[in-house]
Amino acid sequence: MKLIAGSPGTWSGMALRVSQCIFAAASVCTMVTGFGFSNYTAFAYMNTVLILQFMWSLGLACVDIFSLRNKKDLHDPAIVTLIVFGDWIMSVLVFAGASASASLVILFTKDLDFCKVYWRLACSQFVLSTILAFMVWAVDAASSFSGFWLLVSFF
């Protein structure tokens, strides 16, 4: 068994998955409680992707917990390949959603001063949710790279 930090079936891998779950849930909750988020496609897309990310990470965290509790080795090439490709897909989707939301936040706060004109919009919540989405992406990228590193070590 190769000891790579963040790989599936390790304590650090479980910590990365739990971090992804926490940041995704926090980002979605922050966005959903803000007034007016559902009127903009970028915010709705980001919420959809983050809910999907939450479910993916929660499932893999449960697999990691099962693996650690029962001393099972998840370092099989087929399992690692599935996890790595899933992480890559989720990482790209989360980055696209976070970038789209960031561009909308910049448009609202800096370019159009939309937040000053429409004071009921929860612009500070949109900013916080977008920052949390980028944190989800950063943690997802870390787990994706560690899985890729493990996958390369098989060959």
N, C-alpha and C. Protein backbone atom coordinates (compact mmCIF):
# COMPACT_ATOMS: atom_id res chain seq x y z
N MET A 1 0.84 -1.18 0.00
CA MET A 1 0.00 0.00 0.00
C MET A 1 0.88 1.24 0.00
N LYS A 2 0.67 2.09 -0.95
CA LYS A 2 1.44 3.33 -1.06
C LYS A 2 0.86 4.37 -0.11
N LEU A 3 1.72 5.04 0.61
CA LEU A 3 1.28 6.06 1.56
C LEU A 3 1.41 7.43 0.92
N ILE A 4 0.35 7.89 0.34
CA ILE A 4 0.30 9.21 -0.28
C ILE A 4 -0.76 10.01 0.46
N ALA A 5 -0.40 11.18 0.93
CA ALA A 5 -1.33 12.01 1.70
C ALA A 5 -2.53 12.39 0.84
N GLY A 6 -3.72 12.18 1.38
CA GLY A 6 -4.94 12.54 0.69
C GLY A 6 -5.50 11.45 -0.20
N SER A 7 -4.83 10.32 -0.27
CA SER A 7 -5.33 9.25 -1.14
C SER A 7 -6.52 8.54 -0.49
N PRO A 8 -7.32 7.84 -1.28
CA PRO A 8 -8.51 7.17 -0.73
C PRO A 8 -8.14 6.13 0.32
N GLY A 9 -8.94 6.09 1.38
CA GLY A 9 -8.72 5.13 2.44
C GLY A 9 -7.73 5.55 3.49
N THR A 10 -7.35 6.82 3.51
CA THR A 10 -6.42 7.33 4.52
C THR A 10 -7.12 8.40 5.36
N TRP A 11 -6.52 8.70 6.51
CA TRP A 11 -7.09 9.74 7.37
C TRP A 11 -7.08 11.11 6.68
N SER A 12 -6.00 11.38 5.97
CA SER A 12 -5.93 12.68 5.28
C SER A 12 -6.94 12.74 4.13
N GLY A 13 -7.17 11.63 3.46
CA GLY A 13 -8.19 11.58 2.41
C GLY A 13 -9.58 11.83 2.98
N MET A 14 -9.84 11.23 4.14
CA MET A 14 -11.13 11.46 4.79
C MET A 14 -11.27 12.92 5.22
N ALA A 15 -10.19 13.51 5.71
CA ALA A 15 -10.22 14.91 6.12
C ALA A 15 -10.51 15.82 4.93
N LEU A 16 -9.92 15.51 3.78
CA LEU A 16 -10.20 16.30 2.57
C LEU A 16 -11.67 16.18 2.17
N ARG A 17 -12.22 14.98 2.24
CA ARG A 17 -13.63 14.76 1.87
C ARG A 17 -14.57 15.48 2.82
N VAL A 18 -14.28 15.40 4.11
CA VAL A 18 -15.13 16.08 5.09
C VAL A 18 -15.03 17.60 4.90
N SER A 19 -13.84 18.11 4.58
CA SER A 19 -13.67 19.54 4.32
C SER A 19 -14.49 19.96 3.10
N GLN A 20 -14.48 19.14 2.06
CA GLN A 20 -15.28 19.43 0.88
C GLN A 20 -16.76 19.50 1.23
N CYS A 21 -17.22 18.57 2.04
CA CYS A 21 -18.63 18.55 2.46
C CYS A 21 -18.98 19.81 3.25
N ILE A 22 -18.13 20.17 4.19
CA ILE A 22 -18.41 21.32 5.05
C ILE A 22 -18.43 22.61 4.23
N PHE A 23 -17.42 22.82 3.38
CA PHE A 23 -17.38 24.05 2.59
C PHE A 23 -18.51 24.11 1.57
N ALA A 24 -18.86 22.98 0.96
CA ALA A 24 -19.96 22.97 -0.02
C ALA A 24 -21.28 23.28 0.66
N ALA A 25 -21.51 22.66 1.82
CA ALA A 25 -22.76 22.91 2.55
C ALA A 25 -22.83 24.37 3.01
N ALA A 26 -21.72 24.90 3.48
CA ALA A 26 -21.69 26.29 3.94
C ALA A 26 -21.94 27.25 2.77
N SER A 27 -21.37 26.96 1.62
CA SER A 27 -21.56 27.82 0.47
C SER A 27 -23.01 27.80 -0.01
N VAL A 28 -23.59 26.62 -0.07
CA VAL A 28 -24.98 26.51 -0.51
C VAL A 28 -25.91 27.19 0.49
N CYS A 29 -25.70 26.97 1.78
CA CYS A 29 -26.55 27.60 2.79
C CYS A 29 -26.43 29.13 2.77
N THR A 30 -25.23 29.61 2.57
CA THR A 30 -25.02 31.05 2.49
C THR A 30 -25.73 31.65 1.29
N MET A 31 -25.64 30.97 0.15
CA MET A 31 -26.28 31.48 -1.06
C MET A 31 -27.80 31.41 -0.96
N VAL A 32 -28.32 30.31 -0.47
CA VAL A 32 -29.77 30.10 -0.45
C VAL A 32 -30.46 31.06 0.51
N THR A 33 -29.80 31.46 1.58
CA THR A 33 -30.42 32.38 2.53
C THR A 33 -30.39 33.83 2.06
N GLY A 34 -29.68 34.11 0.98
CA GLY A 34 -29.63 35.46 0.45
C GLY A 34 -30.80 35.75 -0.48
N PHE A 35 -31.28 36.96 -0.42
CA PHE A 35 -32.41 37.36 -1.25
C PHE A 35 -31.97 37.55 -2.70
N GLY A 36 -32.71 36.97 -3.64
CA GLY A 36 -32.50 37.22 -5.05
C GLY A 36 -31.53 36.32 -5.76
N PHE A 37 -31.02 35.28 -5.11
CA PHE A 37 -30.02 34.44 -5.78
C PHE A 37 -30.62 33.64 -6.92
N SER A 38 -31.89 33.27 -6.82
CA SER A 38 -32.49 32.39 -7.82
C SER A 38 -32.79 33.10 -9.14
N ASN A 39 -32.62 34.40 -9.19
CA ASN A 39 -32.87 35.14 -10.43
C ASN A 39 -31.69 35.08 -11.39
N TYR A 40 -30.56 34.52 -10.96
CA TYR A 40 -29.35 34.54 -11.76
C TYR A 40 -28.85 33.12 -12.00
N THR A 41 -28.64 32.81 -13.26
CA THR A 41 -28.29 31.45 -13.66
C THR A 41 -26.96 31.00 -13.09
N ALA A 42 -25.99 31.88 -13.00
CA ALA A 42 -24.67 31.50 -12.48
C ALA A 42 -24.77 31.03 -11.04
N PHE A 43 -25.57 31.72 -10.24
CA PHE A 43 -25.73 31.32 -8.85
C PHE A 43 -26.48 29.99 -8.74
N ALA A 44 -27.49 29.81 -9.57
CA ALA A 44 -28.24 28.56 -9.54
C ALA A 44 -27.36 27.39 -9.99
N TYR A 45 -26.53 27.62 -11.01
CA TYR A 45 -25.60 26.58 -11.47
C TYR A 45 -24.60 26.22 -10.37
N MET A 46 -24.06 27.24 -9.71
CA MET A 46 -23.09 26.97 -8.66
C MET A 46 -23.73 26.18 -7.52
N ASN A 47 -24.95 26.52 -7.14
CA ASN A 47 -25.62 25.77 -6.09
C ASN A 47 -25.87 24.32 -6.50
N THR A 48 -26.28 24.10 -7.73
CA THR A 48 -26.52 22.74 -8.22
C THR A 48 -25.24 21.92 -8.19
N VAL A 49 -24.15 22.50 -8.66
CA VAL A 49 -22.88 21.79 -8.69
C VAL A 49 -22.37 21.54 -7.27
N LEU A 50 -22.55 22.48 -6.38
CA LEU A 50 -22.08 22.28 -5.01
C LEU A 50 -22.91 21.23 -4.26
N ILE A 51 -24.19 21.13 -4.58
CA ILE A 51 -24.99 20.05 -3.99
C ILE A 51 -24.50 18.72 -4.50
N LEU A 52 -24.20 18.65 -5.80
CA LEU A 52 -23.64 17.42 -6.37
C LEU A 52 -22.28 17.10 -5.76
N GLN A 53 -21.45 18.12 -5.56
CA GLN A 53 -20.15 17.94 -4.92
C GLN A 53 -20.32 17.43 -3.48
N PHE A 54 -21.29 17.98 -2.78
CA PHE A 54 -21.54 17.54 -1.41
C PHE A 54 -21.89 16.05 -1.37
N MET A 55 -22.76 15.63 -2.28
CA MET A 55 -23.15 14.21 -2.30
C MET A 55 -21.98 13.31 -2.67
N TRP A 56 -21.17 13.73 -3.65
CA TRP A 56 -19.99 12.95 -4.07
C TRP A 56 -19.00 12.83 -2.91
N SER A 57 -18.72 13.94 -2.26
CA SER A 57 -17.75 13.93 -1.17
C SER A 57 -18.27 13.17 0.05
N LEU A 58 -19.55 13.29 0.33
CA LEU A 58 -20.12 12.57 1.45
C LEU A 58 -20.05 11.06 1.20
N GLY A 59 -20.35 10.65 -0.01
CA GLY A 59 -20.25 9.23 -0.35
C GLY A 59 -18.83 8.71 -0.21
N LEU A 60 -17.87 9.47 -0.70
CA LEU A 60 -16.48 9.04 -0.60
C LEU A 60 -15.96 9.12 0.84
N ALA A 61 -16.46 10.07 1.62
CA ALA A 61 -16.08 10.13 3.04
C ALA A 61 -16.60 8.89 3.77
N CYS A 62 -17.81 8.46 3.42
CA CYS A 62 -18.35 7.23 4.03
C CYS A 62 -17.52 6.01 3.63
N VAL A 63 -17.09 5.97 2.37
CA VAL A 63 -16.22 4.88 1.92
C VAL A 63 -14.89 4.91 2.67
N ASP A 64 -14.34 6.10 2.86
CA ASP A 64 -13.08 6.23 3.62
C ASP A 64 -13.26 5.78 5.06
N ILE A 65 -14.36 6.17 5.68
CA ILE A 65 -14.62 5.76 7.06
C ILE A 65 -14.75 4.25 7.15
N PHE A 66 -15.48 3.66 6.21
CA PHE A 66 -15.61 2.20 6.19
C PHE A 66 -14.26 1.52 6.00
N SER A 67 -13.47 2.08 5.10
CA SER A 67 -12.15 1.52 4.83
C SER A 67 -11.23 1.61 6.05
N LEU A 68 -11.25 2.73 6.73
CA LEU A 68 -10.40 2.91 7.91
C LEU A 68 -10.88 2.05 9.07
N ARG A 69 -12.17 1.94 9.22
CA ARG A 69 -12.71 1.17 10.34
C ARG A 69 -12.45 -0.33 10.17
N ASN A 70 -12.59 -0.81 8.95
CA ASN A 70 -12.45 -2.24 8.69
C ASN A 70 -11.08 -2.63 8.14
N LYS A 71 -10.15 -1.67 8.11
CA LYS A 71 -8.78 -1.91 7.64
C LYS A 71 -8.77 -2.48 6.21
N LYS A 72 -9.59 -1.90 5.34
CA LYS A 72 -9.65 -2.31 3.93
C LYS A 72 -8.74 -1.40 3.12
N ASP A 73 -8.12 -1.97 2.10
CA ASP A 73 -7.24 -1.21 1.22
C ASP A 73 -8.01 -0.77 -0.01
N LEU A 74 -8.09 0.54 -0.22
CA LEU A 74 -8.78 1.08 -1.40
C LEU A 74 -7.84 1.36 -2.55
N HIS A 75 -6.61 0.96 -2.44
CA HIS A 75 -5.62 1.28 -3.46
C HIS A 75 -5.60 0.26 -4.58
N ASP A 76 -6.76 -0.02 -5.11
CA ASP A 76 -6.91 -0.86 -6.29
C ASP A 76 -6.95 0.06 -7.51
N PRO A 77 -6.26 -0.27 -8.60
CA PRO A 77 -6.24 0.63 -9.76
C PRO A 77 -7.63 0.98 -10.30
N ALA A 78 -8.55 0.05 -10.29
CA ALA A 78 -9.89 0.33 -10.81
C ALA A 78 -10.64 1.31 -9.92
N ILE A 79 -10.55 1.13 -8.61
CA ILE A 79 -11.22 2.03 -7.67
C ILE A 79 -10.61 3.42 -7.73
N VAL A 80 -9.28 3.47 -7.74
CA VAL A 80 -8.60 4.78 -7.77
C VAL A 80 -8.90 5.51 -9.08
N THR A 81 -8.97 4.78 -10.19
CA THR A 81 -9.30 5.41 -11.48
C THR A 81 -10.69 6.03 -11.44
N LEU A 82 -11.66 5.30 -10.90
CA LEU A 82 -13.02 5.81 -10.79
C LEU A 82 -13.07 7.07 -9.92
N ILE A 83 -12.38 7.04 -8.79
CA ILE A 83 -12.37 8.19 -7.88
C ILE A 83 -11.67 9.38 -8.52
N VAL A 84 -10.55 9.13 -9.20
CA VAL A 84 -9.80 10.23 -9.81
C VAL A 84 -10.62 10.90 -10.92
N PHE A 85 -11.24 10.10 -11.77
CA PHE A 85 -12.04 10.71 -12.84
C PHE A 85 -13.26 11.44 -12.29
N GLY A 86 -13.88 10.89 -11.25
CA GLY A 86 -14.97 11.60 -10.60
C GLY A 86 -14.53 12.91 -9.99
N ASP A 87 -13.36 12.90 -9.34
CA ASP A 87 -12.81 14.13 -8.76
C ASP A 87 -12.48 15.16 -9.84
N TRP A 88 -11.92 14.70 -10.95
CA TRP A 88 -11.60 15.64 -12.03
C TRP A 88 -12.87 16.30 -12.57
N ILE A 89 -13.88 15.50 -12.80
CA ILE A 89 -15.13 16.04 -13.34
C ILE A 89 -15.74 17.03 -12.35
N MET A 90 -15.79 16.64 -11.08
CA MET A 90 -16.36 17.54 -10.08
C MET A 90 -15.52 18.80 -9.91
N SER A 91 -14.21 18.67 -10.00
CA SER A 91 -13.33 19.83 -9.86
C SER A 91 -13.57 20.84 -10.99
N VAL A 92 -13.72 20.34 -12.20
CA VAL A 92 -13.98 21.24 -13.34
C VAL A 92 -15.34 21.91 -13.19
N LEU A 93 -16.35 21.15 -12.78
CA LEU A 93 -17.69 21.72 -12.62
C LEU A 93 -17.73 22.76 -11.51
N VAL A 94 -17.08 22.48 -10.39
CA VAL A 94 -17.06 23.43 -9.28
C VAL A 94 -16.29 24.69 -9.67
N PHE A 95 -15.18 24.53 -10.37
CA PHE A 95 -14.41 25.71 -10.80
C PHE A 95 -15.22 26.56 -11.77
N ALA A 96 -15.95 25.92 -12.68
CA ALA A 96 -16.78 26.67 -13.63
C ALA A 96 -17.88 27.44 -12.89
N GLY A 97 -18.53 26.78 -11.94
CA GLY A 97 -19.58 27.45 -11.18
C GLY A 97 -19.05 28.58 -10.32
N ALA A 98 -17.93 28.36 -9.67
CA ALA A 98 -17.35 29.41 -8.82
C ALA A 98 -16.86 30.59 -9.67
N SER A 99 -16.30 30.31 -10.83
CA SER A 99 -15.83 31.39 -11.71
C SER A 99 -17.00 32.19 -12.27
N ALA A 100 -18.06 31.51 -12.66
CA ALA A 100 -19.23 32.22 -13.17
C ALA A 100 -19.85 33.10 -12.08
N SER A 101 -19.93 32.56 -10.88
CA SER A 101 -20.47 33.34 -9.77
C SER A 101 -19.56 34.50 -9.40
N ALA A 102 -18.26 34.28 -9.47
CA ALA A 102 -17.32 35.37 -9.17
C ALA A 102 -17.45 36.49 -10.20
N SER A 103 -17.63 36.13 -11.45
CA SER A 103 -17.78 37.18 -12.47
C SER A 103 -19.07 37.96 -12.25
N LEU A 104 -20.13 37.28 -11.82
CA LEU A 104 -21.38 37.97 -11.54
C LEU A 104 -21.26 38.86 -10.30
N VAL A 105 -20.55 38.39 -9.30
CA VAL A 105 -20.34 39.19 -8.09
C VAL A 105 -19.52 40.44 -8.42
N ILE A 106 -18.49 40.29 -9.23
CA ILE A 106 -17.69 41.45 -9.62
C ILE A 106 -18.52 42.43 -10.44
N LEU A 107 -19.35 41.90 -11.33
CA LEU A 107 -20.22 42.76 -12.12
C LEU A 107 -21.17 43.55 -11.22
N PHE A 108 -21.74 42.88 -10.23
CA PHE A 108 -22.70 43.54 -9.33
C PHE A 108 -22.03 44.55 -8.42
N THR A 109 -20.88 44.20 -7.85
CA THR A 109 -20.30 45.05 -6.82
C THR A 109 -19.38 46.14 -7.37
N LYS A 110 -18.63 45.84 -8.41
CA LYS A 110 -17.63 46.79 -8.88
C LYS A 110 -18.07 47.55 -10.15
N ASP A 111 -18.59 46.82 -11.13
CA ASP A 111 -18.83 47.43 -12.43
C ASP A 111 -20.14 48.23 -12.49
N LEU A 112 -21.22 47.66 -12.03
CA LEU A 112 -22.52 48.30 -12.17
C LEU A 112 -23.03 48.98 -10.90
N ASP A 113 -22.36 48.73 -9.79
CA ASP A 113 -22.85 49.20 -8.48
C ASP A 113 -24.30 48.77 -8.25
N PHE A 114 -24.60 47.56 -8.70
CA PHE A 114 -25.93 46.99 -8.60
C PHE A 114 -26.34 46.82 -7.14
N CYS A 115 -25.38 46.52 -6.30
CA CYS A 115 -25.67 46.27 -4.89
C CYS A 115 -26.06 47.55 -4.16
N LYS A 116 -25.56 48.68 -4.62
CA LYS A 116 -25.93 49.95 -4.00
C LYS A 116 -27.32 50.39 -4.44
N VAL A 117 -27.64 50.13 -5.68
CA VAL A 117 -28.95 50.53 -6.20
C VAL A 117 -30.05 49.62 -5.65
N TYR A 118 -29.83 48.33 -5.70
CA TYR A 118 -30.79 47.35 -5.19
C TYR A 118 -30.28 46.83 -3.85
N TRP A 119 -30.54 47.56 -2.81
CA TRP A 119 -29.98 47.27 -1.50
C TRP A 119 -30.53 45.98 -0.90
N ARG A 120 -31.65 45.46 -1.43
CA ARG A 120 -32.22 44.22 -0.87
C ARG A 120 -31.42 42.99 -1.29
N LEU A 121 -30.64 43.10 -2.36
CA LEU A 121 -29.82 41.96 -2.76
C LEU A 121 -28.77 41.68 -1.68
N ALA A 122 -28.55 40.42 -1.43
CA ALA A 122 -27.59 40.02 -0.39
C ALA A 122 -26.21 39.85 -1.01
N CYS A 123 -25.62 40.94 -1.45
CA CYS A 123 -24.34 40.87 -2.16
C CYS A 123 -23.22 40.33 -1.29
N SER A 124 -23.20 40.69 -0.01
CA SER A 124 -22.14 40.17 0.85
C SER A 124 -22.26 38.65 1.00
N GLN A 125 -23.48 38.14 1.01
CA GLN A 125 -23.67 36.69 1.07
C GLN A 125 -23.24 36.03 -0.24
N PHE A 126 -23.48 36.70 -1.36
CA PHE A 126 -23.03 36.17 -2.65
C PHE A 126 -21.51 36.08 -2.70
N VAL A 127 -20.86 37.10 -2.17
CA VAL A 127 -19.39 37.11 -2.13
C VAL A 127 -18.87 35.98 -1.25
N LEU A 128 -19.43 35.84 -0.06
CA LEU A 128 -19.00 34.79 0.86
C LEU A 128 -19.24 33.40 0.27
N SER A 129 -20.37 33.21 -0.36
CA SER A 129 -20.68 31.92 -0.97
C SER A 129 -19.71 31.59 -2.10
N THR A 130 -19.33 32.59 -2.86
CA THR A 130 -18.38 32.38 -3.95
C THR A 130 -16.99 32.06 -3.41
N ILE A 131 -16.59 32.72 -2.35
CA ILE A 131 -15.29 32.41 -1.72
C ILE A 131 -15.29 30.98 -1.19
N LEU A 132 -16.37 30.57 -0.56
CA LEU A 132 -16.46 29.20 -0.06
C LEU A 132 -16.45 28.19 -1.21
N ALA A 133 -17.05 28.55 -2.34
CA ALA A 133 -17.02 27.65 -3.50
C ALA A 133 -15.60 27.48 -4.02
N PHE A 134 -14.81 28.55 -4.02
CA PHE A 134 -13.41 28.43 -4.43
C PHE A 134 -12.62 27.60 -3.42
N MET A 135 -12.99 27.66 -2.16
CA MET A 135 -12.34 26.81 -1.16
C MET A 135 -12.68 25.34 -1.40
N VAL A 136 -13.92 25.06 -1.79
CA VAL A 136 -14.31 23.70 -2.16
C VAL A 136 -13.45 23.23 -3.33
N TRP A 137 -13.29 24.10 -4.31
CA TRP A 137 -12.50 23.72 -5.48
C TRP A 137 -11.04 23.45 -5.11
N ALA A 138 -10.48 24.27 -4.22
CA ALA A 138 -9.08 24.08 -3.83
C ALA A 138 -8.88 22.74 -3.11
N VAL A 139 -9.79 22.41 -2.21
CA VAL A 139 -9.69 21.13 -1.50
C VAL A 139 -9.94 19.97 -2.46
N ASP A 140 -10.88 20.16 -3.38
CA ASP A 140 -11.15 19.12 -4.38
C ASP A 140 -9.95 18.91 -5.30
N ALA A 141 -9.29 19.99 -5.66
CA ALA A 141 -8.09 19.87 -6.50
C ALA A 141 -6.98 19.13 -5.75
N ALA A 142 -6.85 19.38 -4.45
CA ALA A 142 -5.84 18.68 -3.65
C ALA A 142 -6.11 17.17 -3.62
N SER A 143 -7.36 16.79 -3.39
CA SER A 143 -7.66 15.36 -3.36
C SER A 143 -7.55 14.75 -4.75
N SER A 144 -7.86 15.52 -5.77
CA SER A 144 -7.72 15.03 -7.14
C SER A 144 -6.26 14.79 -7.49
N PHE A 145 -5.39 15.71 -7.11
CA PHE A 145 -3.96 15.54 -7.40
C PHE A 145 -3.35 14.38 -6.62
N SER A 146 -3.78 14.20 -5.37
CA SER A 146 -3.24 13.07 -4.60
C SER A 146 -3.72 11.75 -5.18
N GLY A 147 -4.97 11.71 -5.66
CA GLY A 147 -5.45 10.50 -6.32
C GLY A 147 -4.74 10.24 -7.64
N PHE A 148 -4.46 11.32 -8.36
CA PHE A 148 -3.71 11.17 -9.62
C PHE A 148 -2.29 10.67 -9.34
N TRP A 149 -1.66 11.19 -8.28
CA TRP A 149 -0.33 10.77 -7.90
C TRP A 149 -0.32 9.28 -7.56
N LEU A 150 -1.35 8.83 -6.86
CA LEU A 150 -1.46 7.41 -6.54
C LEU A 150 -1.70 6.58 -7.80
N LEU A 151 -2.53 7.09 -8.69
CA LEU A 151 -2.83 6.37 -9.94
C LEU A 151 -1.57 6.22 -10.80
N VAL A 152 -0.76 7.25 -10.88
CA VAL A 152 0.48 7.20 -11.64
C VAL A 152 1.46 6.22 -11.02
N SER A 153 1.43 6.10 -9.70
CA SER A 153 2.37 5.19 -9.04
C SER A 153 2.08 3.71 -9.33
N PHE A 154 0.91 3.40 -9.86
CA PHE A 154 0.60 2.02 -10.20
C PHE A 154 1.34 1.58 -11.47
N PHE A 155 1.74 2.53 -12.30
CA PHE A 155 2.34 2.17 -13.59
C PHE A 155 3.84 2.22 -13.57
